[in-house]
Amino acid sequence: MDKKVKLSFNIIAIVCILLFCIALTPVTLQNDTFYTIKIGEHILENGIDMHDPFSIHDLPYTYPHWLYDVGIYLIYNLGGMPGIYLSTMVLACILGVTIYFANKKIVKNDLISFLLTMGVMYVLDGFIAARAQLVTYILFTLQILFIEKFIETKKKRYGVGLIIIPIIIANVHLAVWPFYFVPFLPYVAEYLIAVILDAHLMHKLEMKIINSRINKLSKKQDTEEKIAKLESLRKIKEEKFEEYKEKQNKRRENPYKLKIVRKDNVKWLIVIMIICLFTGLLTPLGDTPYTYLLKTMQGNTTQSINEHLPIVLIESTFALAIIVLILAILIFTDTKIRLKDFFMLGGLILLALMSKRQLSMLALLGVYSVNRMLCDLFDKYDPKGTENFMKIISSGFGRIITLLLVVLICIVIYKPKANDEFISSNVYPVEASKYIKENLDIENIRLYNEYNYGSYLLYEDIPVFIDSRADLYTPEFNGDKNKDIFTDFVRVSSLSVHYEDIFDKYDITHLIIPNNSKMNLFVSKDENYKELYKDDHFVIYERLIK
């Protein structure tokens, strides 16, 4: 293709991706961002002391994304909430452009890479936030690019990059550090299967048995006839084996559906993977990268938090669309799929079905496999189709139409949140927090609050009962089997136990709860509680029982 056309298309593609990522970036901050700011401030003032200063429970804390927390606090200290919004926008743009370049470098089809990048960013809309995961999305994208390029070229810089990435993850977002090794597995599995197939172990075993029998017979007398028969048998076996190898090679070159490709550079990738196993030690958090996920899985937080719950396939448009697309291509066309892509997509779909949050990984890491399948489809049925379409887009009229279409889509996406505030008073107790700080002794009260807005309270320097650092409040992390704060919160918020039992256990003196909560229906009629404050969304009570 003409370099001028390609350059023009890439410029249009990058501009469109940047506009789309800007439009997708949410204005209103998520609850995790508030504790991120305060933790970053605390680390800069006190260091990583492995102790939580923000709750009423006196708990140990592992600081699982300490480096990101420090970075966000520095941005907040410099530019406030607008600075955090701008940084999220920049990271989203970097992610979008990185996904595009990784796709076009790996699959080498600019048009399909552009369209899939826009699709991936749209799927990631709900995951774009001022959270550590946005940085790790960029790192996982680079990981796939480095793996593919290392296998293709064996250049050292890609190997070095693959070792540096898990070091960054261990300090920026160690909860996903074990997941770093998952994308290696499809490549390793395909290589090992190819090696086993190429080893022809059964044939070698047969030849070894025949040769052994010949050697034994050669030491005896009057065995020439038997040896001749065995040698004839060996020759027949060798001839049949050569025929079998030829047929196998033809099948490998043109399989029915599943392509197995042996890439010998994968053995060096395995070495890099083993080296990376030790990168979890390169953090001030000790062995936490190795234990954090295990402790999380042992706890019950994944059963109670929405993003950790399994998806209902019929309710997940994206997961359903991906499964239907893959099946349609494989069933109704002559398109083949690489074994590693089959493993990658199969594993990611399984993870997505197990946990809603893994939909982001299906989009982020599965896009390259889908891209390869689509490129193979177009190469077979319309080899010049994508090139011709790129020429149309790269023309003067095409550039105008493309930009106008993308701008229109961006306006539709951004318009509903144009008037959003950085901190939504509908979601977070903004005015109620002011009342608490002005009228209550926050150093001595023991406040009960709910999960979704605890992070905002601690951002306002109000000690909390619980916040969205769910694992902090489980016995797997605090080491006390009798201190399962998260479970107690779930039980009392769902009213599966009488709230007084939990409040007695933790010596609660005050409550801040949503007006429309189930608990408020009971507390508002309970003579042991005095209403101190009420607005359109939250109510504060003093607990009169001592």
Protein backbone atom coordinates (compact mmCIF):
# COMPACT_ATOMS: atom_id res chain seq x y z
CA MET A 1 0.00 0.00 0.00
CA ASP A 2 1.08 3.57 -0.71
CA LYS A 3 2.97 4.95 2.33
CA LYS A 4 1.20 8.29 1.93
CA VAL A 5 -2.21 6.61 2.18
CA LYS A 6 -1.09 4.60 5.19
CA LEU A 7 0.29 7.68 6.97
CA SER A 8 -2.88 9.65 6.26
CA PHE A 9 -5.04 6.82 7.58
CA ASN A 10 -2.94 6.44 10.74
CA ILE A 11 -3.25 10.16 11.49
CA ILE A 12 -7.04 10.01 11.09
CA ALA A 13 -7.22 6.83 13.18
CA ILE A 14 -5.17 8.29 16.06
CA VAL A 15 -7.18 11.54 16.10
CA CYS A 16 -10.44 9.56 16.18
CA ILE A 17 -9.18 7.29 18.96
CA LEU A 18 -8.06 10.28 21.04
CA LEU A 19 -11.42 12.04 20.63
CA PHE A 20 -13.26 8.83 21.51
CA CYS A 21 -11.15 8.23 24.64
CA ILE A 22 -11.68 11.81 25.80
CA ALA A 23 -15.44 11.42 25.38
CA LEU A 24 -15.44 8.13 27.30
CA THR A 25 -13.56 9.51 30.31
CA PRO A 26 -16.03 9.99 33.19
CA VAL A 27 -16.19 13.32 34.99
CA THR A 28 -17.53 12.03 38.31
CA LEU A 29 -14.90 10.23 40.36
CA GLN A 30 -15.36 6.66 41.57
CA ASN A 31 -15.26 5.85 45.28
CA ASP A 32 -11.83 4.17 45.04
CA THR A 33 -10.25 7.45 43.92
CA PHE A 34 -10.98 9.09 47.27
CA TYR A 35 -9.07 6.57 49.36
CA THR A 36 -6.31 6.56 46.73
CA ILE A 37 -5.73 10.27 47.35
CA LYS A 38 -5.61 9.88 51.13
CA ILE A 39 -3.37 6.81 51.04
CA GLY A 40 -0.93 8.60 48.75
CA GLU A 41 -0.83 11.52 51.16
CA HIS A 42 -0.34 9.18 54.12
CA ILE A 43 2.56 7.34 52.44
CA LEU A 44 4.38 10.58 51.64
CA GLU A 45 3.97 11.74 55.25
CA ASN A 46 4.51 8.45 57.11
CA GLY A 47 6.00 5.96 54.65
CA ILE A 48 4.62 2.46 54.06
CA ASP A 49 3.86 1.59 57.68
CA MET A 50 1.65 -1.46 56.84
CA HIS A 51 -1.08 -0.02 59.07
CA ASP A 52 -4.44 1.51 58.16
CA PRO A 53 -5.04 4.94 59.72
CA PHE A 54 -8.49 5.56 58.25
CA SER A 55 -10.93 3.14 59.87
CA ILE A 56 -12.14 2.80 63.46
CA HIS A 57 -10.80 -0.78 63.71
CA ASP A 58 -6.99 -0.42 64.00
CA LEU A 59 -6.16 -2.82 61.13
CA PRO A 60 -2.98 -3.86 59.31
CA TYR A 61 -2.86 -2.75 55.66
CA THR A 62 -0.80 -3.98 52.71
CA TYR A 63 -0.93 -0.85 50.47
CA PRO A 64 -1.55 -2.98 47.32
CA HIS A 65 -1.15 -0.07 44.87
CA TRP A 66 1.10 2.25 46.83
CA LEU A 67 2.96 3.69 43.84
CA TYR A 68 -0.24 4.59 42.01
CA ASP A 69 -1.66 6.11 45.22
CA VAL A 70 1.39 8.34 45.56
CA GLY A 71 1.17 9.37 41.91
CA ILE A 72 -2.52 10.25 42.15
CA TYR A 73 -1.98 12.26 45.33
CA LEU A 74 0.82 14.24 43.68
CA ILE A 75 -1.48 14.99 40.73
CA TYR A 76 -4.27 15.94 43.14
CA ASN A 77 -1.92 18.15 45.14
CA LEU A 78 -0.87 19.88 41.95
CA GLY A 79 -4.18 20.19 40.10
CA GLY A 80 -6.99 19.09 42.42
CA MET A 81 -9.94 17.14 41.05
CA PRO A 82 -9.53 18.67 37.56
CA GLY A 83 -5.97 17.35 37.59
CA ILE A 84 -7.16 13.81 38.36
CA TYR A 85 -9.80 14.07 35.62
CA LEU A 86 -7.15 15.22 33.16
CA SER A 87 -4.75 12.44 34.19
CA THR A 88 -7.49 9.83 33.71
CA MET A 89 -8.19 11.28 30.27
CA VAL A 90 -4.49 11.13 29.36
CA LEU A 91 -4.17 7.51 30.53
CA ALA A 92 -7.31 6.56 28.58
CA CYS A 93 -5.83 8.17 25.46
CA ILE A 94 -2.51 6.38 25.98
CA LEU A 95 -4.40 3.09 26.39
CA GLY A 96 -6.40 3.62 23.20
CA VAL A 97 -3.37 4.52 21.10
CA THR A 98 -1.34 1.65 22.61
CA ILE A 99 -4.08 -0.88 21.77
CA TYR A 100 -4.18 0.44 18.19
CA PHE A 101 -0.43 0.29 17.62
CA ALA A 102 -0.13 -3.11 19.29
CA ASN A 103 -2.85 -4.50 17.01
CA LYS A 104 -1.39 -3.07 13.83
CA LYS A 105 2.12 -4.22 14.75
CA ILE A 106 0.96 -7.76 15.54
CA VAL A 107 -1.66 -8.31 12.83
CA LYS A 108 -0.58 -5.65 10.31
CA ASN A 109 -4.02 -4.53 9.20
CA ASP A 110 -4.57 -0.88 10.06
CA LEU A 111 -8.28 -0.68 9.25
CA ILE A 112 -9.40 -3.70 11.29
CA SER A 113 -7.03 -2.65 14.10
CA PHE A 114 -8.63 0.80 14.17
CA LEU A 115 -12.20 -0.52 14.24
CA LEU A 116 -11.41 -3.11 16.91
CA THR A 117 -9.61 -0.51 19.03
CA MET A 118 -12.71 1.69 19.01
CA GLY A 119 -14.76 -1.34 19.97
CA VAL A 120 -12.42 -2.32 22.81
CA MET A 121 -12.42 1.21 24.25
CA TYR A 122 -16.22 1.26 24.12
CA VAL A 123 -16.35 -2.02 26.06
CA LEU A 124 -13.86 -0.60 28.58
CA ASP A 125 -16.04 2.47 29.14
CA GLY A 126 -17.16 1.30 32.58
CA PHE A 127 -13.58 0.46 33.57
CA ILE A 128 -12.07 3.86 32.70
CA ALA A 129 -11.57 5.62 36.03
CA ALA A 130 -8.88 7.08 38.26
CA ARG A 131 -7.94 3.61 39.48
CA ALA A 132 -4.73 1.59 39.26
CA GLN A 133 -6.34 -0.79 36.76
CA LEU A 134 -6.10 1.87 34.03
CA VAL A 135 -2.30 1.75 34.26
CA THR A 136 -2.23 -2.05 34.28
CA TYR A 137 -4.44 -2.15 31.17
CA ILE A 138 -1.68 -0.27 29.35
CA LEU A 139 0.96 -2.62 30.75
CA PHE A 140 -0.98 -5.75 29.74
CA THR A 141 -1.36 -4.36 26.22
CA LEU A 142 2.41 -3.82 26.03
CA GLN A 143 2.93 -7.33 27.41
CA ILE A 144 1.08 -8.93 24.50
CA LEU A 145 2.95 -6.73 22.02
CA PHE A 146 6.33 -7.64 23.56
CA ILE A 147 5.48 -11.36 23.65
CA GLU A 148 4.49 -11.38 19.98
CA LYS A 149 7.50 -9.35 18.86
CA PHE A 150 9.92 -11.38 20.98
CA ILE A 151 8.65 -14.65 19.47
CA GLU A 152 8.90 -13.11 16.01
CA THR A 153 12.33 -11.45 16.33
CA LYS A 154 13.95 -12.65 19.60
CA LYS A 155 15.21 -9.10 20.16
CA LYS A 156 16.48 -8.51 23.67
CA ARG A 157 14.61 -5.24 24.18
CA TYR A 158 11.29 -7.08 24.16
CA GLY A 159 12.58 -9.59 26.69
CA VAL A 160 13.79 -6.76 28.93
CA GLY A 161 10.40 -5.07 28.58
CA LEU A 162 8.65 -8.27 29.64
CA ILE A 163 10.76 -8.35 32.82
CA ILE A 164 10.21 -4.66 33.64
CA ILE A 165 6.40 -4.80 33.29
CA PRO A 166 5.73 -7.18 36.24
CA ILE A 167 8.02 -5.07 38.45
CA ILE A 168 5.83 -2.04 37.71
CA ILE A 169 2.63 -4.07 38.26
CA ALA A 170 3.91 -5.36 41.62
CA ASN A 171 4.15 -1.75 42.81
CA VAL A 172 1.26 -0.13 40.96
CA HIS A 173 -1.44 -2.80 41.28
CA LEU A 174 -0.16 -5.98 42.89
CA ALA A 175 -3.62 -7.57 43.07
CA VAL A 176 -3.30 -8.41 39.36
CA TRP A 177 0.40 -9.37 39.48
CA PRO A 178 -0.37 -13.14 39.31
CA PHE A 179 -2.54 -12.50 36.24
CA TYR A 180 0.58 -11.28 34.42
CA PHE A 181 1.56 -14.91 33.83
CA VAL A 182 -1.79 -15.90 32.29
CA PRO A 183 -1.18 -14.38 28.81
CA PHE A 184 2.04 -16.43 28.52
CA LEU A 185 0.18 -19.73 28.88
CA PRO A 186 -1.47 -20.00 25.41
CA TYR A 187 1.92 -19.48 23.72
CA VAL A 188 3.63 -22.01 25.96
CA ALA A 189 0.81 -24.55 25.57
CA GLU A 190 0.87 -24.34 21.76
CA TYR A 191 4.66 -24.72 21.72
CA LEU A 192 4.65 -27.74 24.03
CA ILE A 193 1.91 -29.45 22.03
CA ALA A 194 3.83 -28.78 18.79
CA VAL A 195 7.02 -30.18 20.35
CA ILE A 196 5.21 -33.33 21.49
CA LEU A 197 3.67 -33.82 18.04
CA ASP A 198 7.02 -33.30 16.34
CA ALA A 199 8.75 -35.71 18.73
CA HIS A 200 6.79 -38.71 17.31
CA LEU A 201 7.29 -40.57 20.56
CA MET A 202 5.32 -43.66 19.54
CA HIS A 203 7.42 -44.15 16.42
CA LYS A 204 10.64 -43.69 18.35
CA LEU A 205 9.47 -46.20 20.95
CA GLU A 206 8.65 -48.73 18.23
CA MET A 207 12.07 -48.28 16.62
CA LYS A 208 13.77 -48.60 19.96
CA ILE A 209 11.97 -51.89 20.68
CA ILE A 210 12.83 -53.32 17.22
CA ASN A 211 16.49 -52.23 17.49
CA SER A 212 16.71 -53.70 20.97
CA ARG A 213 15.37 -57.04 19.74
CA ILE A 214 17.80 -57.01 16.81
CA ASN A 215 20.73 -56.33 19.16
CA LYS A 216 19.71 -59.19 21.43
CA LEU A 217 19.27 -61.62 18.53
CA SER A 218 22.62 -60.63 17.02
CA LYS A 219 24.36 -62.03 20.10
CA LYS A 220 22.78 -65.46 19.55
CA GLN A 221 23.44 -68.11 16.92
CA ASP A 222 21.11 -69.12 14.09
CA THR A 223 19.03 -65.92 14.29
CA GLU A 224 19.80 -64.46 10.87
CA GLU A 225 16.31 -65.17 9.57
CA LYS A 226 14.63 -63.49 12.55
CA ILE A 227 16.96 -60.50 12.31
CA ALA A 228 16.18 -60.16 8.59
CA LYS A 229 12.44 -60.14 9.36
CA LEU A 230 12.92 -57.47 12.01
CA GLU A 231 15.06 -55.35 9.69
CA SER A 232 12.38 -55.69 7.01
CA LEU A 233 9.76 -54.70 9.54
CA ARG A 234 11.88 -51.72 10.58
CA LYS A 235 12.20 -50.62 6.95
CA ILE A 236 8.43 -50.90 6.42
CA LYS A 237 7.81 -48.93 9.62
CA GLU A 238 10.25 -46.22 8.51
CA GLU A 239 8.60 -45.93 5.10
CA LYS A 240 5.14 -45.71 6.62
CA PHE A 241 6.42 -43.16 9.11
CA GLU A 242 7.81 -40.97 6.32
CA GLU A 243 4.44 -41.14 4.56
CA TYR A 244 2.71 -40.26 7.83
CA LYS A 245 5.08 -37.30 8.41
CA GLU A 246 4.39 -35.97 4.94
CA LYS A 247 0.63 -36.20 5.49
CA GLN A 248 0.96 -34.62 8.94
CA ASN A 249 2.96 -31.71 7.53
CA LYS A 250 0.32 -31.14 4.88
CA ARG A 251 -2.40 -31.21 7.53
CA ARG A 252 -0.41 -28.76 9.65
CA GLU A 253 0.00 -26.43 6.67
CA ASN A 254 -3.68 -26.58 5.74
CA PRO A 255 -5.69 -27.84 8.73
CA TYR A 256 -9.44 -28.06 8.85
CA LYS A 257 -9.89 -25.46 11.61
CA LEU A 258 -7.12 -25.55 14.22
CA LYS A 259 -3.62 -24.40 13.21
CA ILE A 260 -0.65 -25.50 15.29
CA VAL A 261 2.46 -23.43 14.65
CA ARG A 262 5.76 -24.21 16.32
CA LYS A 263 7.76 -21.10 17.29
CA ASP A 264 11.08 -22.14 18.80
CA ASN A 265 11.64 -18.73 20.38
CA VAL A 266 8.91 -19.66 22.86
CA LYS A 267 11.46 -21.72 24.80
CA TRP A 268 13.26 -18.45 25.58
CA LEU A 269 9.91 -16.92 26.46
CA ILE A 270 9.54 -19.65 29.08
CA VAL A 271 12.91 -18.60 30.53
CA ILE A 272 11.70 -14.99 30.73
CA MET A 273 8.49 -16.16 32.38
CA ILE A 274 10.51 -18.01 35.04
CA ILE A 275 12.65 -14.91 35.67
CA CYS A 276 9.47 -12.85 36.05
CA LEU A 277 8.31 -15.13 38.86
CA PHE A 278 10.91 -13.42 41.09
CA THR A 279 9.92 -9.85 40.18
CA GLY A 280 7.25 -9.90 42.92
CA LEU A 281 10.08 -9.53 45.41
CA LEU A 282 11.03 -6.10 43.97
CA THR A 283 8.55 -4.16 46.07
CA PRO A 284 8.60 -2.71 49.60
CA LEU A 285 5.58 -4.90 50.43
CA GLY A 286 7.49 -8.12 51.07
CA ASP A 287 5.81 -11.27 49.77
CA THR A 288 2.41 -9.59 49.33
CA PRO A 289 2.34 -10.05 45.51
CA TYR A 290 2.47 -13.82 46.09
CA THR A 291 -0.14 -13.94 48.88
CA TYR A 292 -2.62 -11.16 48.11
CA LEU A 293 -4.70 -12.95 45.48
CA LEU A 294 -4.72 -16.20 47.49
CA LYS A 295 -6.03 -14.40 50.57
CA THR A 296 -8.62 -12.58 48.49
CA MET A 297 -9.91 -15.85 47.01
CA GLN A 298 -10.09 -17.40 50.48
CA GLY A 299 -12.26 -14.54 51.73
CA ASN A 300 -15.90 -13.84 50.92
CA THR A 301 -15.57 -10.40 49.33
CA THR A 302 -15.71 -11.84 45.80
CA GLN A 303 -19.14 -13.29 46.60
CA SER A 304 -20.61 -9.98 47.70
CA ILE A 305 -19.13 -7.33 45.40
CA ASN A 306 -20.96 -6.89 42.10
CA GLU A 307 -17.91 -6.66 39.82
CA HIS A 308 -16.59 -9.99 41.13
CA LEU A 309 -19.82 -11.91 40.55
CA PRO A 310 -20.31 -14.27 37.57
CA ILE A 311 -22.02 -12.75 34.55
CA VAL A 312 -25.39 -13.80 33.23
CA LEU A 313 -24.52 -14.41 29.59
CA ILE A 314 -27.82 -13.18 28.19
CA GLU A 315 -27.32 -9.89 30.06
CA SER A 316 -23.77 -9.35 28.80
CA THR A 317 -24.04 -8.05 25.24
CA PHE A 318 -20.29 -7.97 24.73
CA ALA A 319 -19.51 -11.50 25.93
CA LEU A 320 -22.45 -12.89 23.96
CA ALA A 321 -21.40 -10.99 20.83
CA ILE A 322 -17.81 -12.26 21.05
CA ILE A 323 -18.90 -15.88 21.45
CA VAL A 324 -21.40 -15.62 18.57
CA LEU A 325 -18.82 -13.87 16.33
CA ILE A 326 -16.14 -16.50 16.94
CA LEU A 327 -18.53 -19.39 16.42
CA ALA A 328 -20.00 -17.81 13.28
CA ILE A 329 -16.56 -17.29 11.71
CA LEU A 330 -15.40 -20.83 12.53
CA ILE A 331 -18.64 -22.59 11.56
CA PHE A 332 -19.79 -20.70 8.48
CA THR A 333 -16.45 -19.75 6.88
CA ASP A 334 -13.26 -21.50 5.93
CA THR A 335 -11.28 -19.42 8.45
CA LYS A 336 -8.76 -21.23 10.66
CA ILE A 337 -7.73 -20.34 14.20
CA ARG A 338 -4.29 -20.66 15.78
CA LEU A 339 -4.16 -23.04 18.73
CA LYS A 340 -2.77 -20.27 20.96
CA ASP A 341 -5.65 -18.00 19.94
CA PHE A 342 -8.10 -20.79 20.72
CA PHE A 343 -6.54 -21.18 24.18
CA MET A 344 -6.41 -17.41 24.72
CA LEU A 345 -10.03 -16.76 23.78
CA GLY A 346 -11.30 -19.88 25.53
CA GLY A 347 -9.49 -19.02 28.76
CA LEU A 348 -10.52 -15.35 28.71
CA ILE A 349 -14.17 -16.20 28.00
CA LEU A 350 -14.13 -18.66 30.91
CA LEU A 351 -12.66 -16.00 33.22
CA ALA A 352 -15.25 -13.47 32.02
CA LEU A 353 -18.07 -15.89 32.75
CA MET A 354 -16.68 -16.36 36.27
CA SER A 355 -16.28 -12.65 37.06
CA LYS A 356 -17.78 -9.50 35.53
CA ARG A 357 -14.55 -7.53 35.93
CA GLN A 358 -12.72 -10.01 33.67
CA LEU A 359 -14.80 -8.75 30.73
CA SER A 360 -12.19 -6.01 30.53
CA MET A 361 -9.43 -8.60 30.08
CA LEU A 362 -11.45 -10.44 27.43
CA ALA A 363 -11.68 -7.19 25.46
CA LEU A 364 -8.11 -6.11 26.16
CA LEU A 365 -6.26 -9.38 25.50
CA GLY A 366 -8.71 -11.22 23.26
CA VAL A 367 -8.79 -8.49 20.62
CA TYR A 368 -5.57 -9.70 18.95
CA SER A 369 -6.95 -13.21 18.41
CA VAL A 370 -10.20 -11.81 17.00
CA ASN A 371 -8.16 -9.44 14.82
CA ARG A 372 -6.19 -12.36 13.35
CA MET A 373 -9.37 -14.26 12.58
CA LEU A 374 -11.00 -11.27 10.90
CA CYS A 375 -7.86 -10.57 8.84
CA ASP A 376 -7.74 -14.20 7.69
CA LEU A 377 -11.43 -13.92 6.79
CA PHE A 378 -10.91 -10.80 4.66
CA ASP A 379 -7.71 -12.16 3.09
CA LYS A 380 -9.63 -15.21 1.90
CA TYR A 381 -12.85 -13.61 0.70
CA ASP A 382 -11.91 -10.01 -0.11
CA PRO A 383 -8.11 -9.54 -0.14
CA LYS A 384 -8.19 -5.93 -1.35
CA GLY A 385 -11.28 -4.86 0.57
CA THR A 386 -9.58 -3.31 3.59
CA GLU A 387 -6.96 -1.56 1.46
CA ASN A 388 -9.63 0.00 -0.76
CA PHE A 389 -11.61 1.14 2.27
CA MET A 390 -8.47 2.71 3.77
CA LYS A 391 -7.95 4.64 0.54
CA ILE A 392 -11.50 5.96 0.74
CA ILE A 393 -11.04 7.07 4.37
CA SER A 394 -7.66 8.65 3.54
CA SER A 395 -9.13 10.79 0.76
CA GLY A 396 -10.13 14.37 1.48
CA PHE A 397 -13.85 13.61 1.52
CA GLY A 398 -13.27 10.40 3.50
CA ARG A 399 -11.31 12.22 6.21
CA ILE A 400 -14.08 14.78 6.66
CA ILE A 401 -16.86 12.17 6.83
CA THR A 402 -14.88 9.95 9.24
CA LEU A 403 -14.05 12.80 11.59
CA LEU A 404 -17.62 14.14 11.52
CA LEU A 405 -19.00 10.67 12.29
CA VAL A 406 -16.60 10.14 15.21
CA VAL A 407 -17.21 13.66 16.55
CA LEU A 408 -20.97 13.02 16.41
CA ILE A 409 -20.54 9.74 18.33
CA CYS A 410 -18.33 11.51 20.90
CA ILE A 411 -20.94 14.24 21.40
CA VAL A 412 -23.64 11.63 22.00
CA ILE A 413 -21.41 9.87 24.56
CA TYR A 414 -20.20 13.02 26.33
CA LYS A 415 -23.45 15.04 26.37
CA PRO A 416 -25.14 13.15 29.27
CA LYS A 417 -22.17 13.84 31.54
CA ALA A 418 -21.35 17.38 30.38
CA ASN A 419 -22.83 18.88 33.56
CA ASP A 420 -21.56 16.19 35.93
CA GLU A 421 -19.57 17.24 38.98
CA PHE A 422 -16.30 15.65 40.07
CA ILE A 423 -18.00 14.64 43.32
CA SER A 424 -21.67 13.73 43.03
CA SER A 425 -23.69 14.82 46.07
CA ASN A 426 -26.32 12.26 45.01
CA VAL A 427 -23.86 9.43 45.59
CA TYR A 428 -21.52 10.77 48.26
CA PRO A 429 -22.43 12.48 51.56
CA VAL A 430 -20.91 15.85 50.70
CA GLU A 431 -23.10 18.04 52.90
CA ALA A 432 -23.45 15.37 55.58
CA SER A 433 -19.67 15.20 55.90
CA LYS A 434 -19.52 18.93 56.49
CA TYR A 435 -22.08 18.53 59.27
CA ILE A 436 -20.08 15.72 60.90
CA LYS A 437 -16.85 17.71 60.86
CA GLU A 438 -18.51 20.86 62.19
CA ASN A 439 -20.76 19.33 64.87
CA LEU A 440 -19.30 15.99 65.99
CA ASP A 441 -16.06 15.01 67.67
CA ILE A 442 -14.66 12.87 64.85
CA GLU A 443 -11.72 11.77 67.00
CA ASN A 444 -13.99 10.01 69.48
CA ILE A 445 -17.17 8.99 67.64
CA ARG A 446 -17.46 5.50 66.17
CA LEU A 447 -19.41 5.99 62.97
CA TYR A 448 -21.25 3.27 61.08
CA ASN A 449 -21.40 3.85 57.33
CA GLU A 450 -22.04 1.78 54.22
CA TYR A 451 -19.53 0.39 51.73
CA ASN A 452 -20.12 2.60 48.69
CA TYR A 453 -19.38 5.97 50.28
CA GLY A 454 -16.88 5.05 52.99
CA SER A 455 -14.00 6.16 50.79
CA TYR A 456 -15.44 9.67 50.55
CA LEU A 457 -15.77 9.89 54.33
CA LEU A 458 -12.12 8.96 54.87
CA TYR A 459 -11.21 11.47 52.14
CA GLU A 460 -12.88 14.02 54.41
CA ASP A 461 -10.74 12.73 57.33
CA ILE A 462 -13.71 11.02 59.00
CA PRO A 463 -12.80 7.55 60.43
CA VAL A 464 -14.97 4.90 58.77
CA PHE A 465 -16.58 1.59 59.63
CA ILE A 466 -15.92 0.25 56.11
CA ASP A 467 -14.92 1.50 52.66
CA SER A 468 -14.30 0.01 49.23
CA ARG A 469 -10.95 -1.52 50.25
CA ALA A 470 -12.97 -4.67 50.88
CA ASP A 471 -10.08 -7.05 51.59
CA LEU A 472 -8.81 -4.85 54.41
CA TYR A 473 -11.88 -5.77 56.44
CA THR A 474 -11.55 -9.57 56.21
CA PRO A 475 -9.79 -11.94 58.66
CA GLU A 476 -7.57 -13.25 55.84
CA PHE A 477 -5.84 -9.86 55.84
CA ASN A 478 -6.21 -8.63 59.42
CA GLY A 479 -5.21 -12.01 60.89
CA ASP A 480 -8.08 -12.10 63.41
CA LYS A 481 -10.78 -14.72 62.78
CA ASN A 482 -13.12 -12.83 65.09
CA LYS A 483 -12.73 -9.62 63.10
CA ASP A 484 -14.69 -10.28 59.92
CA ILE A 485 -15.88 -6.72 59.49
CA PHE A 486 -16.87 -7.16 55.86
CA THR A 487 -19.21 -10.07 56.67
CA ASP A 488 -20.69 -8.16 59.60
CA PHE A 489 -21.37 -5.23 57.28
CA VAL A 490 -23.05 -7.47 54.70
CA ARG A 491 -25.20 -9.05 57.40
CA VAL A 492 -26.32 -5.82 59.01
CA SER A 493 -26.87 -3.91 55.74
CA SER A 494 -29.06 -6.74 54.42
CA LEU A 495 -30.81 -6.92 57.81
CA SER A 496 -30.12 -10.63 58.08
CA VAL A 497 -29.21 -9.90 61.73
CA HIS A 498 -30.50 -7.32 64.16
CA TYR A 499 -28.39 -4.19 63.67
CA GLU A 500 -28.05 -3.68 67.42
CA ASP A 501 -25.98 -6.88 67.71
CA ILE A 502 -23.41 -5.56 65.24
CA PHE A 503 -23.43 -2.04 66.65
CA ASP A 504 -22.82 -3.40 70.15
CA LYS A 505 -19.94 -5.49 68.89
CA TYR A 506 -18.17 -2.43 67.44
CA ASP A 507 -19.33 0.17 70.01
CA ILE A 508 -21.03 2.27 67.33
CA THR A 509 -22.06 5.74 68.51
CA HIS A 510 -23.37 7.31 65.28
CA LEU A 511 -24.80 6.23 61.91
CA ILE A 512 -24.78 7.77 58.48
CA ILE A 513 -27.06 5.89 56.09
CA PRO A 514 -28.95 6.61 52.85
CA ASN A 515 -32.51 7.88 53.20
CA ASN A 516 -33.82 5.14 50.94
CA SER A 517 -32.00 2.25 52.63
CA LYS A 518 -33.80 -0.66 54.29
CA MET A 519 -32.05 0.10 57.55
CA ASN A 520 -33.42 3.62 57.66
CA LEU A 521 -36.95 2.25 57.59
CA PHE A 522 -36.27 0.63 60.96
CA VAL A 523 -33.83 3.10 62.55
CA SER A 524 -36.10 6.08 61.82
CA LYS A 525 -38.76 4.43 64.02
CA ASP A 526 -36.35 3.27 66.70
CA GLU A 527 -36.54 5.38 69.88
CA ASN A 528 -32.94 4.49 70.69
CA TYR A 529 -31.75 6.65 67.79
CA LYS A 530 -31.82 10.41 67.54
CA GLU A 531 -31.86 12.06 64.12
CA LEU A 532 -29.18 14.75 63.96
CA TYR A 533 -29.10 15.61 60.29
CA LYS A 534 -31.03 14.88 57.12
CA ASP A 535 -30.76 15.96 53.49
CA ASP A 536 -32.20 14.62 50.27
CA HIS A 537 -29.91 11.60 50.24
CA PHE A 538 -28.40 10.90 53.68
CA VAL A 539 -29.41 10.92 57.31
CA ILE A 540 -27.24 10.95 60.44
CA TYR A 541 -28.30 9.38 63.73
CA GLU A 542 -26.87 9.40 67.20
CA ARG A 543 -27.15 6.04 68.95
CA LEU A 544 -28.54 6.65 72.44
CA ILE A 545 -27.77 3.16 73.76
CA LYS A 546 -24.50 3.17 75.73
